Protein backbone atom coordinates (compact mmCIF):
# COMPACT_ATOMS: atom_id res chain seq x y z
CA MET A 1 14.56 -25.40 -39.53
CA GLU A 2 14.36 -22.51 -37.01
CA ALA A 3 15.97 -23.25 -33.51
CA PRO A 4 12.65 -23.95 -30.72
CA VAL A 5 12.39 -20.33 -29.16
CA SER A 6 12.94 -20.94 -25.70
CA ASN A 7 10.39 -20.00 -22.62
CA PRO A 8 11.59 -16.46 -20.88
CA ARG A 9 13.13 -16.57 -17.57
CA LEU A 10 11.59 -14.30 -14.56
CA LEU A 11 13.40 -13.67 -11.27
CA LEU A 12 11.00 -12.83 -8.72
CA VAL A 13 12.89 -11.07 -5.71
CA ALA A 14 10.30 -11.60 -2.19
CA PRO A 15 10.61 -12.30 0.96
CA HIS A 16 9.67 -15.71 2.32
CA GLY A 17 6.15 -15.91 2.59
CA SER A 18 4.78 -13.10 0.61
CA TYR A 19 1.48 -13.11 -0.40
CA ARG A 20 1.96 -12.21 -3.88
CA THR A 21 4.52 -15.32 -4.78
CA GLY A 22 1.67 -17.51 -5.73
CA PRO A 23 0.13 -15.07 -7.47
CA TYR A 24 2.83 -14.01 -10.22
CA MET A 25 4.31 -17.64 -10.11
CA SER A 26 0.84 -18.58 -11.45
CA ALA A 27 1.28 -15.96 -14.06
CA ALA A 28 4.07 -16.90 -15.19
CA LEU A 29 3.01 -20.15 -15.82
CA ARG A 30 0.07 -19.09 -17.84
CA ARG A 31 2.68 -17.36 -19.94
CA GLY A 32 5.09 -19.89 -20.39
CA ALA A 33 7.70 -18.25 -18.43
CA GLU A 34 10.17 -20.16 -16.17
CA VAL A 35 10.84 -18.86 -12.33
CA LEU A 36 13.11 -18.26 -9.79
CA VAL A 37 12.40 -16.69 -6.85
CA ALA A 38 14.90 -15.34 -4.82
CA SER A 39 14.45 -14.63 -0.92
CA GLU A 40 15.94 -15.67 2.03
CA GLY A 41 13.46 -19.16 2.40
CA ARG A 42 16.43 -21.71 2.47
CA HIS A 43 14.64 -23.80 4.31
CA SER A 44 11.15 -23.37 3.55
CA LEU A 45 8.83 -25.65 3.00
CA VAL A 46 7.46 -24.18 0.14
CA ALA A 47 9.38 -25.41 -3.12
CA ALA A 48 10.01 -22.20 -4.69
CA TYR A 49 11.90 -20.65 -1.66
CA ALA A 50 13.79 -23.65 -0.43
CA GLN A 51 14.90 -24.39 -4.31
CA GLY A 52 15.14 -20.90 -4.94
CA LEU A 53 18.23 -18.55 -5.25
CA HIS A 54 19.27 -17.91 -1.25
CA ILE A 55 19.37 -13.96 0.01
CA ASP A 56 20.17 -11.74 2.29
CA PHE A 57 18.05 -9.05 2.20
CA SER A 58 19.80 -7.50 5.13
CA GLN A 59 23.14 -7.82 2.78
CA PRO A 60 21.96 -5.73 -0.19
CA ASP A 61 25.53 -5.89 -2.06
CA ALA A 62 26.07 -9.67 -1.44
CA ALA A 63 22.21 -10.14 -2.49
CA LEU A 64 22.91 -8.11 -6.11
CA ARG A 65 26.14 -10.23 -6.32
CA ARG A 66 24.03 -13.64 -6.42
CA ILE A 67 21.50 -12.18 -8.25
CA LEU A 68 24.62 -11.23 -11.21
CA GLU A 69 26.20 -14.26 -10.88
CA ALA A 70 22.64 -16.20 -11.44
CA ALA A 71 21.82 -14.36 -14.49
CA GLU A 72 25.87 -15.08 -15.99
CA ARG A 73 24.49 -18.81 -15.41
CA ALA A 74 20.93 -17.54 -17.48
CA PRO A 75 19.67 -14.25 -18.65
CA PHE A 76 16.93 -13.09 -17.29
CA ALA A 77 13.99 -11.64 -19.40
CA GLY A 78 12.76 -9.72 -16.20
CA VAL A 79 12.96 -9.13 -12.33
CA LEU A 80 10.45 -8.14 -10.70
CA GLY A 81 10.44 -6.57 -6.68
CA LEU A 82 7.35 -8.20 -5.22
CA ASP A 83 7.04 -6.24 -2.00
CA ASP A 84 8.86 -2.78 -0.24
CA ALA A 85 11.45 -4.80 1.23
CA SER A 86 12.28 -6.31 -2.35
CA LEU A 87 12.13 -2.99 -4.60
CA GLU A 88 15.31 -1.21 -4.43
CA LEU A 89 17.76 -4.75 -4.92
CA ALA A 90 15.70 -5.64 -7.82
CA ALA A 91 15.76 -2.13 -9.62
CA ARG A 92 19.84 -2.08 -8.56
CA ALA A 93 19.51 -6.07 -10.46
CA CYS A 94 18.01 -4.65 -13.50
CA ARG A 95 19.93 -1.35 -13.73
CA ALA A 96 23.28 -3.92 -13.85
CA LEU A 97 21.57 -6.19 -16.42
CA GLY A 98 19.94 -3.37 -18.69
CA LEU A 99 16.29 -4.50 -18.07
CA PRO A 100 13.21 -1.71 -17.69
CA HIS A 101 13.54 -0.72 -14.41
CA ASN A 102 12.85 2.11 -11.89
CA PRO A 103 16.16 4.19 -10.58
CA PRO A 104 16.75 2.53 -7.29
CA GLU A 105 16.74 5.70 -5.54
CA ALA A 106 13.01 5.88 -6.66
CA ALA A 107 12.41 2.35 -5.77
CA ARG A 108 14.04 2.96 -2.24
CA LEU A 109 11.67 6.54 -1.83
CA ALA A 110 8.71 4.16 -2.63
CA ARG A 111 9.09 2.50 0.22
CA ARG A 112 10.81 4.79 2.95
CA LYS A 113 7.80 7.28 4.45
CA ASP A 114 10.10 9.83 5.54
CA LEU A 115 12.27 9.89 2.52
CA ALA A 116 9.37 10.06 0.42
CA ARG A 117 7.24 12.85 2.78
CA ALA A 118 10.78 14.92 2.39
CA ARG A 119 10.27 14.67 -1.46
CA LEU A 120 6.59 15.26 -1.91
CA ALA A 121 6.68 18.06 0.38
CA ALA A 122 9.36 19.69 -1.89
CA ALA A 123 7.48 18.78 -5.12
CA GLY A 124 4.44 20.71 -3.76
CA VAL A 125 2.52 17.33 -3.34
CA ARG A 126 -0.61 17.83 -0.69
CA ILE A 127 0.46 15.49 1.93
CA PRO A 128 -0.27 15.80 6.26
CA PRO A 129 1.73 18.07 8.05
CA HIS A 130 4.48 15.67 9.34
CA ARG A 131 7.81 15.49 11.38
CA VAL A 132 10.39 12.58 11.63
CA VAL A 133 11.03 11.49 15.29
CA ASP A 134 13.55 10.00 16.99
CA LEU A 135 12.15 7.18 18.93
CA THR A 136 15.35 6.49 21.13
CA ARG A 137 14.47 9.67 22.70
CA PRO A 138 10.74 10.72 24.69
CA LEU A 139 8.57 11.58 21.93
CA VAL A 140 6.31 14.49 23.75
CA PRO A 141 8.97 17.04 23.80
CA GLN A 142 9.82 16.81 20.25
CA ALA A 143 6.37 17.00 19.64
CA ALA A 144 5.90 19.78 21.72
CA ASP A 145 3.69 22.11 18.98
CA PHE A 146 2.39 19.69 16.84
CA PRO A 147 -1.14 19.43 16.54
CA PHE A 148 -3.66 16.85 17.46
CA PRO A 149 -4.75 14.30 17.05
CA ALA A 150 -1.92 12.93 14.79
CA VAL A 151 -0.58 9.43 13.62
CA ILE A 152 2.51 7.72 14.30
CA LYS A 153 3.61 4.87 12.11
CA PRO A 154 7.50 3.28 11.46
CA VAL A 155 9.13 4.32 8.50
CA ALA A 156 9.25 1.20 6.15
CA MET A 157 6.40 -1.23 7.02
CA SER A 158 3.52 -1.90 5.12
CA GLY A 159 -0.11 -3.67 5.73
CA SER A 160 -1.26 -0.59 8.47
CA ARG A 161 1.26 -2.05 10.99
CA GLY A 162 2.56 -0.21 13.76
CA VAL A 163 0.21 2.73 12.55
CA MET A 164 -1.79 4.37 15.55
CA ARG A 165 -3.67 7.68 16.38
CA VAL A 166 -3.09 9.63 18.87
CA ASP A 167 -4.60 12.23 20.43
CA THR A 168 -3.36 13.28 23.76
CA PRO A 169 0.54 14.30 24.65
CA ALA A 170 0.24 10.83 26.65
CA ALA A 171 -1.18 8.30 24.23
CA LEU A 172 1.74 9.18 22.15
CA GLU A 173 4.44 8.00 24.54
CA HIS A 174 2.40 5.52 25.04
CA ALA A 175 2.19 4.27 21.62
CA GLY A 176 5.61 5.07 21.02
CA ALA A 177 7.05 2.49 23.79
CA ARG A 178 4.26 -0.20 21.64
CA LEU A 179 6.11 1.23 18.01
CA ARG A 180 9.29 0.76 19.27
CA ALA A 181 8.85 -2.72 20.13
CA ILE A 182 7.13 -3.59 16.46
CA VAL A 183 10.35 -1.99 14.48
CA ARG A 184 13.01 -3.87 16.84
CA GLU A 185 12.91 -6.75 14.18
CA ALA A 186 13.83 -3.83 10.97
CA ALA A 187 17.03 -4.88 9.65
CA CYS A 188 18.43 -1.40 9.54
CA ALA A 189 19.13 0.83 12.83
CA HIS A 190 17.17 3.81 10.82
CA GLU A 191 14.29 2.28 10.73
CA ARG A 192 14.53 0.67 14.24
CA ALA A 193 15.05 4.13 15.28
CA THR A 194 12.71 6.59 13.02
CA ALA A 195 9.23 7.09 12.73
CA LEU A 196 7.05 9.31 11.23
CA LEU A 197 4.60 11.53 12.94
CA GLU A 198 1.72 13.50 11.13
CA ARG A 199 -1.69 15.16 11.39
CA PHE A 200 -4.35 13.25 11.45
CA VAL A 201 -6.33 13.91 8.30
CA PRO A 202 -9.79 13.30 8.70
CA GLY A 203 -11.98 11.93 5.15
CA VAL A 204 -13.18 9.07 3.23
CA GLU A 205 -9.70 6.68 1.99
CA VAL A 206 -9.67 5.53 -1.88
CA ALA A 207 -7.24 3.59 -3.59
CA LEU A 208 -5.68 3.20 -6.67
CA GLU A 209 -4.19 0.84 -8.41
CA GLY A 210 -2.02 1.56 -11.74
CA LEU A 211 0.84 0.78 -14.08
CA LEU A 212 3.48 3.16 -15.09
CA GLU A 213 5.12 2.75 -18.56
CA ASP A 214 7.78 5.50 -19.41
CA GLY A 215 5.99 7.48 -16.56
CA GLU A 216 3.03 7.60 -17.63
CA LEU A 217 0.65 6.09 -15.62
CA ARG A 218 -2.29 4.01 -16.76
CA VAL A 219 -4.81 3.72 -13.72
CA LEU A 220 -6.14 0.43 -13.77
CA ALA A 221 -8.87 0.46 -10.77
CA VAL A 222 -10.09 3.11 -8.30
CA PHE A 223 -11.32 1.41 -4.75
CA ASP A 224 -13.43 2.69 -2.98
CA LYS A 225 -12.90 2.17 1.22
CA PRO A 226 -16.30 2.80 2.89
CA ASP A 227 -15.94 1.65 6.39
CA PRO A 228 -14.52 4.67 8.16
CA LEU A 229 -10.70 4.50 8.93
CA ASP A 230 -10.19 6.72 11.80
CA GLY A 231 -7.92 4.90 14.06
CA PRO A 232 -6.61 4.39 16.98
CA PHE A 233 -5.93 1.19 14.80
CA PHE A 234 -6.12 1.32 10.50
CA GLU A 235 -6.81 -2.33 9.76
CA GLU A 236 -8.19 -2.43 6.42
CA THR A 237 -11.54 -4.54 5.81
CA TYR A 238 -13.56 -3.34 2.53
CA TYR A 239 -11.74 -2.72 -0.65
CA VAL A 240 -14.91 -2.28 -3.59
CA THR A 241 -14.87 -1.14 -6.89
CA PRO A 242 -15.66 1.12 -9.38
CA SER A 243 -15.53 3.88 -7.07
CA ARG A 244 -18.59 5.42 -6.28
CA HIS A 245 -17.17 9.11 -5.93
CA PRO A 246 -17.38 11.57 -8.39
CA ILE A 247 -15.59 11.08 -11.47
CA GLY A 248 -14.08 14.71 -10.99
CA VAL A 249 -12.85 13.33 -7.73
CA GLN A 250 -11.44 10.05 -9.07
CA GLN A 251 -9.80 12.30 -11.67
CA ALA A 252 -7.90 14.49 -8.80
CA VAL A 253 -6.60 11.48 -7.21
CA ALA A 254 -5.27 9.84 -10.17
CA ALA A 255 -3.50 13.24 -11.06
CA GLU A 256 -2.11 13.44 -7.36
CA VAL A 257 -1.00 10.03 -7.71
CA ALA A 258 0.72 10.50 -10.90
CA ARG A 259 2.43 13.66 -9.53
CA ALA A 260 3.56 11.66 -6.53
CA CYS A 261 5.19 9.05 -9.22
CA ALA A 262 6.67 11.77 -11.07
CA ALA A 263 8.25 13.39 -7.79
CA TYR A 264 9.80 9.93 -6.94
CA GLY A 265 11.14 9.24 -10.24
CA LEU A 266 9.12 6.73 -10.74
CA ARG A 267 9.26 5.31 -14.92
CA HIS A 268 8.03 1.50 -15.17
CA GLY A 269 5.66 -1.25 -13.24
CA PRO A 270 2.89 -1.72 -10.69
CA VAL A 271 1.71 1.36 -8.90
CA HIS A 272 -0.58 0.85 -5.67
CA ALA A 273 -1.35 4.45 -3.86
CA GLU A 274 -3.61 5.17 -0.62
CA CYS A 275 -5.16 8.56 -0.35
CA ARG A 276 -8.04 10.54 1.47
CA VAL A 277 -10.35 13.15 0.52
CA ASN A 278 -11.95 15.38 2.23
CA ASP A 279 -13.57 19.05 1.59
CA GLU A 280 -9.87 20.29 1.04
CA GLY A 281 -9.07 18.18 -1.31
CA VAL A 282 -6.75 14.55 -2.34
CA TRP A 283 -4.77 13.65 0.38
CA LEU A 284 -1.79 11.60 -0.42
CA LEU A 285 -0.96 9.12 1.92
CA GLU A 286 1.36 6.41 0.09
CA VAL A 287 2.29 5.58 -2.74
CA ALA A 288 4.24 1.72 -3.25
CA ALA A 289 5.67 0.54 -6.44
CA ARG A 290 4.35 -2.66 -6.08
CA THR A 291 1.04 -4.19 -6.96
CA ILE A 292 -1.84 -4.40 -3.88
CA GLY A 293 -0.92 -6.64 -0.85
CA GLY A 294 -2.88 -9.56 -0.30
CA LEU A 295 -4.98 -11.87 -2.43
CA CYS A 296 -6.83 -8.21 -3.46
CA GLY A 297 -4.63 -8.53 -6.90
CA ARG A 298 -7.72 -10.88 -7.72
CA LEU A 299 -10.51 -7.84 -8.15
CA LEU A 300 -8.61 -6.71 -11.13
CA ARG A 301 -10.42 -9.19 -12.97
CA TRP A 302 -13.44 -6.68 -12.93
CA GLY A 303 -12.01 -3.75 -14.17
CA THR A 304 -9.58 -5.43 -17.19
CA GLY A 305 -10.58 -9.24 -17.15
CA MET A 306 -7.45 -10.70 -16.59
CA GLU A 307 -5.24 -10.89 -12.98
CA LEU A 308 -2.92 -8.42 -11.99
CA GLU A 309 -0.12 -10.32 -12.19
CA ASP A 310 -1.04 -10.98 -16.02
CA LEU A 311 -1.21 -7.75 -16.82
CA VAL A 312 2.13 -6.38 -14.90
CA LEU A 313 4.08 -9.62 -15.91
CA GLY A 314 2.44 -8.63 -19.68
CA GLN A 315 4.38 -5.07 -19.58
CA LEU A 316 7.06 -7.24 -17.85
CA LEU A 317 7.65 -9.64 -20.79
CA GLY A 318 6.66 -6.24 -23.61
CA SER A 319 3.31 -8.20 -24.66
CA ALA A 320 0.88 -6.52 -22.20
CA PRO A 321 -3.07 -7.50 -23.60
CA GLU A 322 -5.43 -4.93 -24.22
CA SER A 323 -8.02 -4.94 -21.10
CA ALA A 324 -11.68 -5.58 -21.45
CA PRO A 325 -14.08 -3.00 -20.50
CA PRO A 326 -15.06 -3.21 -16.75
CA GLN A 327 -18.70 -4.69 -16.08
CA GLY A 328 -20.45 -4.70 -13.07
CA GLY A 329 -18.93 -4.43 -9.62
CA ALA A 330 -16.47 -6.29 -7.40
CA GLY A 331 -15.02 -6.33 -3.64
CA VAL A 332 -13.01 -7.71 -1.39
CA LEU A 333 -13.26 -8.23 2.68
CA MET A 334 -9.76 -8.54 4.18
CA LEU A 335 -11.31 -10.71 7.38
CA PRO A 336 -10.19 -8.60 10.43
CA THR A 337 -8.19 -10.16 13.37
CA PRO A 338 -10.93 -10.13 16.20
CA ARG A 339 -8.22 -10.30 19.12
CA ALA A 340 -4.39 -11.74 20.04
CA GLY A 341 -4.93 -15.86 20.71
CA VAL A 342 -5.04 -19.13 19.45
CA LEU A 343 -7.31 -19.61 15.95
CA ARG A 344 -9.87 -22.62 17.12
CA ARG A 345 -11.66 -22.44 14.09
CA VAL A 346 -13.75 -20.36 11.07
CA SER A 347 -17.35 -21.56 10.88
CA GLY A 348 -19.90 -20.45 8.44
CA VAL A 349 -17.83 -20.43 5.01
CA LEU A 350 -20.36 -22.50 3.64
CA ALA A 351 -22.97 -19.92 4.44
CA ALA A 352 -21.25 -17.06 3.22
CA LEU A 353 -20.34 -19.22 -0.25
CA LYS A 354 -24.24 -19.46 -0.64
CA ILE A 355 -24.69 -15.40 -0.67
CA PRO A 356 -25.50 -14.37 -3.95
CA TYR A 357 -22.57 -12.62 -5.60
CA VAL A 358 -19.89 -14.09 -3.21
CA GLU A 359 -17.53 -16.12 -5.34
CA ASP A 360 -14.77 -17.30 -2.72
CA VAL A 361 -13.56 -17.53 0.81
CA VAL A 362 -10.28 -17.81 1.54
CA ILE A 363 -9.18 -18.61 4.52
CA GLU A 364 -5.19 -18.36 5.25
CA VAL A 365 -4.34 -18.96 8.73
CA ARG A 366 -5.02 -22.56 9.95
CA GLU A 367 -6.64 -23.28 13.09
CA GLY A 368 -4.08 -23.85 16.31
CA TYR A 369 -1.83 -20.66 14.66
CA THR A 370 -1.31 -17.25 16.80
CA LEU A 371 -3.56 -14.34 15.48
CA THR A 372 -2.03 -11.14 16.13
CA PRO A 373 -4.17 -8.16 15.68
CA LEU A 374 -2.76 -4.58 14.50
CA PRO A 375 -0.64 -2.20 14.99
CA GLU A 376 1.54 -5.07 15.81
CA GLY A 377 0.21 -7.72 13.09
CA ALA A 378 1.68 -8.31 10.25
CA SER A 379 -1.06 -10.44 8.03
CA TYR A 380 -4.65 -11.22 7.27
CA LEU A 381 -7.04 -13.74 8.58
CA GLY A 382 -8.13 -14.32 4.95
CA PHE A 383 -10.08 -12.66 2.29
CA VAL A 384 -13.92 -12.64 0.74
CA PHE A 385 -14.29 -12.18 -2.54
CA ALA A 386 -17.63 -10.54 -4.49
CA ARG A 387 -18.67 -9.91 -8.04
CA ALA A 388 -22.00 -8.29 -8.36
CA PRO A 389 -23.85 -5.98 -10.97
CA SER A 390 -22.84 -3.05 -9.08
CA ALA A 391 -20.22 -2.11 -6.61
CA ALA A 392 -23.32 -1.35 -4.03
CA GLU A 393 -24.63 -5.29 -4.65
CA ALA A 394 -20.91 -6.09 -4.56
CA GLU A 395 -20.97 -4.65 -0.82
CA ALA A 396 -23.77 -6.02 0.64
CA ALA A 397 -22.55 -9.56 -0.33
CA LEU A 398 -19.70 -8.86 1.85
CA ARG A 399 -21.07 -7.31 4.39
CA ALA A 400 -23.78 -10.63 4.81
CA ALA A 401 -20.93 -12.66 3.96
CA GLN A 402 -18.97 -11.23 7.21
CA ALA A 403 -22.15 -11.34 9.31
CA VAL A 404 -22.33 -15.21 9.56
CA LEU A 405 -18.63 -16.02 9.15
CA HIS A 406 -17.79 -16.71 13.14
CA ILE A 407 -13.89 -16.55 14.05
CA GLU A 408 -13.30 -18.76 17.16
CA VAL A 409 -10.47 -17.45 19.57
CA ALA A 410 -8.73 -19.21 22.14
CA PRO A 411 -7.12 -17.43 25.00
CA LEU A 412 -2.99 -17.92 24.57
CA PHE A 413 -1.60 -18.41 27.77
CA PRO A 414 2.05 -17.89 27.91
CA VAL A 415 3.98 -21.14 30.17
CA ALA A 416 6.45 -19.95 32.21
CA SER A 417 9.17 -22.25 33.36
CA ARG A 418 9.70 -22.71 37.11
CA ALA A 419 13.31 -22.41 38.49
């Protein structure tokens, strides 16, 4: 009689509260896999974090030892870093355990914008002219010969947090003061003291979602961002697929992303890239060795017939299924945070759900919670999903839904203690 085959065991390395943890755990459950979450969430109210493996991302060597000790007790079939902060640690764990992985240096490049820009420039990838600046010193003298308009951004944050357009030297100094406050919480001293200044590149933005297998890029979807992203901040709202750009433009985007992955040394797993397109061609803005942010991975059902997380875990476990041909179009609206304050309510959800082609409305923030918009903010208010016969109809449905959703925000009055 044959011994029963045990379920594969996966380790998900994620910061506490990551958007991606829930979708990946659901995908693992569909595949019959056991999951352990490594995070700093020892006191979390969420069982996956509280009962998981507790590590400190600011102590990577100690965190790696914890992971390897857990693997000795029960081996992992795969280890996956879900967010930028966990990529390098997950890669180091995979290397030590002999599992498929990206080189740790490549994972580090994928999250550190200053290091990435230097590598991409050396490889001849088209990127905006840029300069690394020291946040501990006045910024205007460091940008004496730099062209405006420009964009200043932290070297290791995602989701457009801390990214600001500056059109004048005075605006640069003001943005620098805001950025110093934003990066104060970074664990690494270099990331608290350093920023990237780059030329603002006009044009339209597109995003690419893909999977790397032995260094070969498989494009899963190209997303249009139909709203202009010209600043002063860069809050993403609409993602729509399939792209309506000419096929030659889409191929150029994929080729530039593939060149960037090769320059980093990325070989395996998910890739999310952001590019700008104008008359000069495709400009690479970011390449991350992870999946798209928020709950936007749902959109991949349009192009593949399955959730994005299923595709990633299938590759990780060596059983990636064939994807279905895309039909129609799909899109997501990431609900913008209108202003700082306390969320009182979001009304109009039922009306939005009645709009043809709107599939779901997910409000992530509960009433009574504080809202912080960009550039200081770090989370989405919610998501609206649509699927339609065409990308244009999906976008129209999302815009109709946004028109009936009303977000009420009460002012936040700080309480000062009396001496």
